[in-house]
C-alpha cells in the first residue's frame, strides 16, 4: 500500500508541471490560475520533502517568466530550503519580465532589484511592474547602469540591499565571473549564473574588460562551467544543478540543505547533446587569451 502511495506522489508533480506549461502558453503569464497552481505545487513539495521525497532538478523545471526552466527549479529549491526574506537581485535583468526572478516577484510576493544597461528595457520593466495588479503597490526597484566590477556593490548598496538575500541571478553575457567575484555587499543563499559551455571542461576565464559589451559575433566571452564552479567554492557555494542545456548553473550556499542538494560534478550538467556541438566552436578560439584558474 505504501509503495503504491509513493508512486502516486511521484506522478502528481508531472501532471501539475505539464498543466502549468500549458496554461502559461495558452492564457499568458498573468492568468491567476497559474499562481494558484504554483502555490499548490510549492506546498505539495514542502510536504513531500518533509516526508523524505526528493526530485532531481532536471525533473522539476518549467517556465512562466524565465527563459528556460529556471522558474520550476527555483520553486522546488525554495520549497526545500525556505526563504530568508524573499529578496532577490537580478544583474543583467533586461526588462525584468523574462527573468529568473519575475515569477517569484509576481506569483510569490518577493521584492528585489533589477539592474540592466539598456535604458529602454528598464523603463519597460518599471511600466510593467508598476501597473501589474500583483506588484503595483510595492514594485521591484529598477536601476539603469552599465554593470562592472567597479560599481556593482555601490549600485546594490545604494538601492537599499545589503546582507543576506535569497537569490542572485547574473546574466551579463561576458563579465559574469568577474562581477560575482567582486560581489560582497550581499550574501545570496542561491546563485544562478551563466557560463560558456563552449569552453567545455577547460578551467578558463576570458580576461576582465570593464568596457566589454557582448558583440554576439563569436563565442569568446565569459567563463567555463569549471571555472565558475571553482569561484563558487572559493566564495562558499556548491554546484547543485543547471538548466538542461547546462549553461545557466545553480549554486547554493554551503550549510544550507546539503542533504537535499548535495554538491554535483560539472560533468553531470554538461550531458546535453548541445554541449558537444558548442564545444566544436572552441577549436576556432582555443589559442585566444584566457586566464586559467
Protein backbone atom coordinates (compact mmCIF):
# COMPACT_ATOMS: atom_id res chain seq x y z
CA UNK A 1 0.00 0.00 0.00
CA UNK A 2 2.83 2.40 0.94
CA UNK A 3 4.67 1.71 -2.32
CA UNK A 4 1.52 2.43 -4.29
CA UNK A 5 1.10 5.72 -2.40
CA UNK A 6 4.69 6.75 -3.16
CA UNK A 7 4.12 6.02 -6.83
CA UNK A 8 1.13 8.35 -6.86
CA UNK A 9 3.11 11.07 -5.11
CA UNK A 10 5.81 10.90 -7.76
CA UNK A 11 3.24 11.14 -10.53
CA UNK A 12 1.38 14.21 -9.25
CA UNK A 13 4.08 16.88 -9.89
CA UNK A 14 4.49 15.83 -13.52
CA UNK A 15 0.79 16.34 -14.13
CA UNK A 16 0.86 19.77 -12.47
CA UNK A 17 4.03 20.82 -14.30
CA UNK A 18 2.56 19.95 -17.68
CA UNK A 19 -0.58 21.88 -16.84
CA UNK A 20 1.46 24.91 -15.79
CA UNK A 21 3.34 24.87 -19.09
CA UNK A 22 0.05 24.58 -20.96
CA UNK A 23 -1.57 27.42 -19.01
CA UNK A 24 1.46 29.64 -19.46
CA UNK A 25 1.29 29.28 -23.25
CA UNK A 26 -2.50 29.35 -23.56
CA UNK A 27 -3.60 32.04 -21.15
CA UNK A 28 -0.38 34.07 -20.96
CA UNK A 29 1.67 34.89 -17.91
CA UNK A 30 -0.89 36.76 -15.83
CA UNK A 31 -3.57 34.07 -15.55
CA UNK A 32 -4.41 33.76 -11.84
CA UNK A 33 -4.80 30.01 -12.17
CA UNK A 34 -1.04 29.86 -12.78
CA UNK A 35 -0.45 31.48 -9.38
CA UNK A 36 -2.87 29.10 -7.65
CA UNK A 37 -1.36 26.01 -9.30
CA UNK A 38 2.18 27.05 -8.43
CA UNK A 39 1.30 27.71 -4.80
CA UNK A 40 -0.34 24.30 -4.63
CA UNK A 41 2.79 22.72 -6.10
CA UNK A 42 5.00 24.67 -3.69
CA UNK A 43 3.00 23.42 -0.69
CA UNK A 44 3.00 19.91 -2.08
CA UNK A 45 6.78 19.94 -2.43
CA UNK A 46 7.19 21.19 1.14
CA UNK A 47 5.01 18.40 2.50
CA UNK A 48 6.66 15.73 0.34
CA UNK A 49 10.21 16.86 1.15
CA UNK A 50 9.38 16.84 4.86
CA UNK A 51 8.31 13.23 4.41
CA UNK A 52 11.52 12.26 2.67
CA UNK A 53 10.66 12.62 -1.01
CA UNK A 54 13.26 14.07 -3.39
CA UNK A 55 13.32 15.05 -7.07
CA UNK A 56 16.14 15.74 -9.49
CA UNK A 57 16.34 19.37 -10.54
CA UNK A 58 16.20 18.18 -14.14
CA UNK A 59 12.68 16.83 -13.43
CA UNK A 60 11.08 19.90 -11.82
CA UNK A 61 11.75 22.68 -14.31
CA UNK A 62 9.17 24.77 -16.13
CA UNK A 63 8.97 28.29 -17.42
CA UNK A 64 6.45 31.01 -16.70
CA UNK A 65 8.67 34.10 -16.90
CA UNK A 66 12.15 32.58 -17.07
CA UNK A 67 13.83 31.99 -20.43
CA UNK A 68 14.30 28.31 -19.73
CA UNK A 69 13.14 26.07 -16.87
CA UNK A 70 14.51 28.16 -14.02
CA UNK A 71 11.06 29.04 -12.61
CA UNK A 72 10.27 25.44 -11.77
CA UNK A 73 13.74 24.72 -10.42
CA UNK A 74 13.65 27.73 -8.12
CA UNK A 75 10.18 26.85 -6.89
CA UNK A 76 11.43 23.43 -5.84
CA UNK A 77 14.65 24.76 -4.28
CA UNK A 78 12.88 27.34 -2.14
CA UNK A 79 10.17 24.89 -1.16
CA UNK A 80 13.03 22.79 0.22
CA UNK A 81 15.23 25.45 1.85
CA UNK A 82 12.63 28.10 2.68
CA UNK A 83 13.08 31.85 2.16
CA UNK A 84 15.08 34.14 4.42
CA UNK A 85 13.48 37.44 3.39
CA UNK A 86 12.02 36.82 -0.11
CA UNK A 87 14.55 39.17 -1.67
CA UNK A 88 16.44 38.96 -4.98
CA UNK A 89 18.92 40.87 -7.12
CA UNK A 90 18.91 40.32 -10.88
CA UNK A 91 22.14 41.52 -12.51
CA UNK A 92 21.68 41.86 -16.26
CA UNK A 93 17.91 41.68 -15.98
CA UNK A 94 16.83 43.28 -19.27
CA UNK A 95 13.25 44.43 -18.50
CA UNK A 96 12.84 42.05 -15.57
CA UNK A 97 9.88 40.36 -17.24
CA UNK A 98 11.67 37.49 -18.99
CA UNK A 99 13.69 36.91 -15.83
CA UNK A 100 14.68 34.24 -13.34
CA UNK A 101 13.25 36.48 -10.60
CA UNK A 102 9.98 37.65 -12.17
CA UNK A 103 7.90 34.64 -11.20
CA UNK A 104 8.96 34.98 -7.57
CA UNK A 105 8.07 38.69 -7.60
CA UNK A 106 4.69 38.31 -9.28
CA UNK A 107 3.39 34.98 -8.02
CA UNK A 108 5.11 34.64 -4.63
CA UNK A 109 5.36 38.22 -3.36
CA UNK A 110 9.13 38.61 -3.44
CA UNK A 111 10.81 42.02 -3.62
CA UNK A 112 14.08 42.85 -5.30
CA UNK A 113 16.29 44.78 -7.63
CA UNK A 114 16.62 44.61 -11.41
CA UNK A 115 19.80 46.10 -12.93
CA UNK A 116 20.49 46.48 -16.65
CA UNK A 117 22.44 48.67 -19.04
CA UNK A 118 19.59 49.15 -21.52
CA UNK A 119 17.51 52.17 -20.55
CA UNK A 120 14.54 51.19 -22.72
CA UNK A 121 14.41 47.76 -21.07
CA UNK A 122 14.49 49.31 -17.61
CA UNK A 123 11.67 51.71 -18.49
CA UNK A 124 9.61 48.85 -19.93
CA UNK A 125 10.10 46.86 -16.73
CA UNK A 126 9.12 49.76 -14.50
CA UNK A 127 5.93 50.22 -16.50
CA UNK A 128 5.06 46.52 -16.38
CA UNK A 129 5.54 46.08 -12.63
CA UNK A 130 4.09 49.49 -11.81
CA UNK A 131 0.81 48.55 -13.47
CA UNK A 132 0.63 44.82 -12.68
CA UNK A 133 -2.09 44.03 -10.15
CA UNK A 134 0.25 41.87 -8.07
CA UNK A 135 3.09 44.37 -7.80
CA UNK A 136 1.85 47.94 -8.37
CA UNK A 137 1.63 48.77 -4.65
CA UNK A 138 5.24 47.70 -4.00
CA UNK A 139 7.07 47.18 -7.29
CA UNK A 140 10.67 45.97 -7.54
CA UNK A 141 13.48 48.50 -7.80
CA UNK A 142 14.94 49.18 -11.25
CA UNK A 143 18.39 50.64 -11.88
CA UNK A 144 19.78 51.62 -15.27
CA UNK A 145 23.54 51.11 -15.16
CA UNK A 146 26.36 49.54 -17.13
CA UNK A 147 27.47 46.74 -14.82
CA UNK A 148 31.15 46.42 -13.88
CA UNK A 149 33.26 45.00 -11.07
CA UNK A 150 33.96 48.55 -10.04
CA UNK A 151 30.34 49.63 -9.48
CA UNK A 152 28.26 46.54 -8.68
CA UNK A 153 28.49 46.81 -4.90
CA UNK A 154 27.75 50.54 -4.87
CA UNK A 155 24.73 50.07 -7.13
CA UNK A 156 23.23 47.39 -4.92
CA UNK A 157 24.05 49.15 -1.63
CA UNK A 158 22.66 52.48 -2.78
CA UNK A 159 19.46 50.70 -3.82
CA UNK A 160 18.97 49.54 -0.24
CA UNK A 161 20.03 45.90 -0.49
CA UNK A 162 22.67 44.51 1.86
CA UNK A 163 23.38 41.37 3.85
CA UNK A 164 21.67 38.03 3.39
CA UNK A 165 19.23 37.76 0.50
CA UNK A 166 17.67 34.70 -1.07
CA UNK A 167 18.62 34.86 -4.74
CA UNK A 168 21.07 36.46 -7.14
CA UNK A 169 20.81 35.94 -10.89
CA UNK A 170 23.75 37.04 -13.06
CA UNK A 171 23.49 37.11 -16.85
CA UNK A 172 25.53 39.89 -18.46
CA UNK A 173 27.00 37.96 -21.40
CA UNK A 174 30.64 38.43 -20.61
CA UNK A 175 31.89 39.58 -17.23
CA UNK A 176 29.59 37.35 -15.16
CA UNK A 177 32.53 35.62 -13.44
CA UNK A 178 34.27 38.86 -12.53
CA UNK A 179 31.12 40.54 -11.25
CA UNK A 180 30.26 37.62 -8.99
CA UNK A 181 33.88 37.56 -7.82
CA UNK A 182 33.58 41.23 -6.82
CA UNK A 183 30.14 40.93 -5.24
CA UNK A 184 30.40 41.41 -1.48
CA UNK A 185 27.66 43.76 -0.29
CA UNK A 186 25.06 40.98 -0.34
CA UNK A 187 25.23 37.32 0.63
CA UNK A 188 22.81 35.33 -1.55
CA UNK A 189 21.66 31.91 -0.44
CA UNK A 190 21.17 30.79 -4.07
CA UNK A 191 23.01 31.99 -7.17
CA UNK A 192 22.19 31.40 -10.83
CA UNK A 193 24.92 32.47 -13.24
CA UNK A 194 25.59 31.98 -16.92
CA UNK A 195 28.69 30.12 -18.10
CA UNK A 196 30.17 29.48 -21.54
CA UNK A 197 29.65 25.79 -22.30
CA UNK A 198 31.76 26.16 -25.46
CA UNK A 199 34.78 26.10 -23.15
CA UNK A 200 33.89 22.56 -22.05
CA UNK A 201 35.89 21.26 -19.09
CA UNK A 202 38.73 23.74 -19.55
CA UNK A 203 39.22 25.80 -16.40
CA UNK A 204 39.41 29.18 -18.14
CA UNK A 205 38.02 32.71 -17.97
CA UNK A 206 38.18 35.49 -20.55
CA UNK A 207 40.22 38.38 -19.04
CA UNK A 208 38.23 41.16 -17.40
CA UNK A 209 37.39 44.17 -19.53
CA UNK A 210 35.21 46.75 -17.76
CA UNK A 211 34.08 48.17 -21.12
CA UNK A 212 33.13 44.81 -22.62
CA UNK A 213 29.76 44.58 -24.33
CA UNK A 214 28.86 41.24 -25.90
CA UNK A 215 29.14 41.63 -29.69
CA UNK A 216 27.33 38.33 -30.48
CA UNK A 217 29.80 37.73 -33.31
CA UNK A 218 31.88 34.95 -31.77
CA UNK A 219 31.90 32.75 -28.66
CA UNK A 220 34.87 34.44 -26.95
CA UNK A 221 33.34 35.63 -23.67
CA UNK A 222 32.60 34.54 -20.14
CA UNK A 223 33.91 31.69 -18.03
CA UNK A 224 33.80 27.93 -18.33
CA UNK A 225 31.49 25.89 -16.07
CA UNK A 226 34.60 24.52 -14.35
CA UNK A 227 35.98 27.99 -13.64
CA UNK A 228 32.63 29.19 -12.31
CA UNK A 229 32.30 26.18 -10.02
CA UNK A 230 35.77 26.92 -8.62
CA UNK A 231 34.80 30.53 -7.98
CA UNK A 232 31.63 29.33 -6.26
CA UNK A 233 33.64 27.04 -3.98
CA UNK A 234 36.01 29.86 -3.09
CA UNK A 235 33.03 32.01 -2.14
CA UNK A 236 31.43 29.25 -0.08
CA UNK A 237 28.94 27.74 -2.53
CA UNK A 238 28.49 24.38 -4.20
CA UNK A 239 27.19 23.44 -7.63
CA UNK A 240 23.79 21.73 -7.29
CA UNK A 241 22.45 21.79 -10.85
CA UNK A 242 21.76 23.69 -14.04
CA UNK A 243 19.15 24.06 -16.72
CA UNK A 244 19.05 21.10 -19.08
CA UNK A 245 21.35 22.83 -21.58
CA UNK A 246 23.94 23.32 -18.83
CA UNK A 247 24.96 26.94 -19.31
CA UNK A 248 22.87 28.53 -16.54
CA UNK A 249 24.37 26.88 -13.46
CA UNK A 250 22.89 26.92 -9.95
CA UNK A 251 24.72 27.16 -6.64
CA UNK A 252 23.58 27.03 -3.02
CA UNK A 253 25.43 28.43 -0.03
CA UNK A 254 27.28 25.76 1.91
CA UNK A 255 25.49 24.75 5.09
CA UNK A 256 22.02 25.08 3.55
CA UNK A 257 20.13 21.83 2.86
CA UNK A 258 23.21 19.86 1.87
CA UNK A 259 21.33 16.62 2.48
CA UNK A 260 18.72 17.61 -0.13
CA UNK A 261 21.03 19.36 -2.59
CA UNK A 262 24.50 17.76 -2.43
CA UNK A 263 27.39 19.03 -4.49
CA UNK A 264 27.45 17.60 -8.01
CA UNK A 265 30.15 17.43 -10.67
CA UNK A 266 30.49 19.86 -13.55
CA UNK A 267 30.48 16.88 -15.93
CA UNK A 268 26.96 15.98 -14.78
CA UNK A 269 25.48 19.25 -16.05
CA UNK A 270 27.10 19.02 -19.49
CA UNK A 271 25.39 15.90 -20.78
CA UNK A 272 23.02 17.55 -23.29
CA UNK A 273 23.93 16.98 -26.97
CA UNK A 274 24.04 20.75 -27.44
CA UNK A 275 27.24 20.84 -25.41
CA UNK A 276 29.11 18.61 -27.83
CA UNK A 277 28.05 20.84 -30.72
CA UNK A 278 29.05 24.03 -28.92
CA UNK A 279 32.39 22.57 -27.86
CA UNK A 280 33.38 22.27 -31.54
CA UNK A 281 33.37 26.09 -31.70
CA UNK A 282 36.14 26.22 -29.13
CA UNK A 283 38.60 24.87 -31.70
CA UNK A 284 38.35 28.20 -33.50
CA UNK A 285 39.36 30.21 -30.43
CA UNK A 286 41.37 27.79 -28.29
CA UNK A 287 44.55 29.85 -28.68
CA UNK A 288 43.00 33.18 -27.75
CA UNK A 289 43.81 34.99 -24.50
CA UNK A 290 42.48 33.23 -21.37
CA UNK A 291 43.15 33.20 -17.66
CA UNK A 292 43.46 29.69 -16.27
CA UNK A 293 42.03 29.33 -12.80
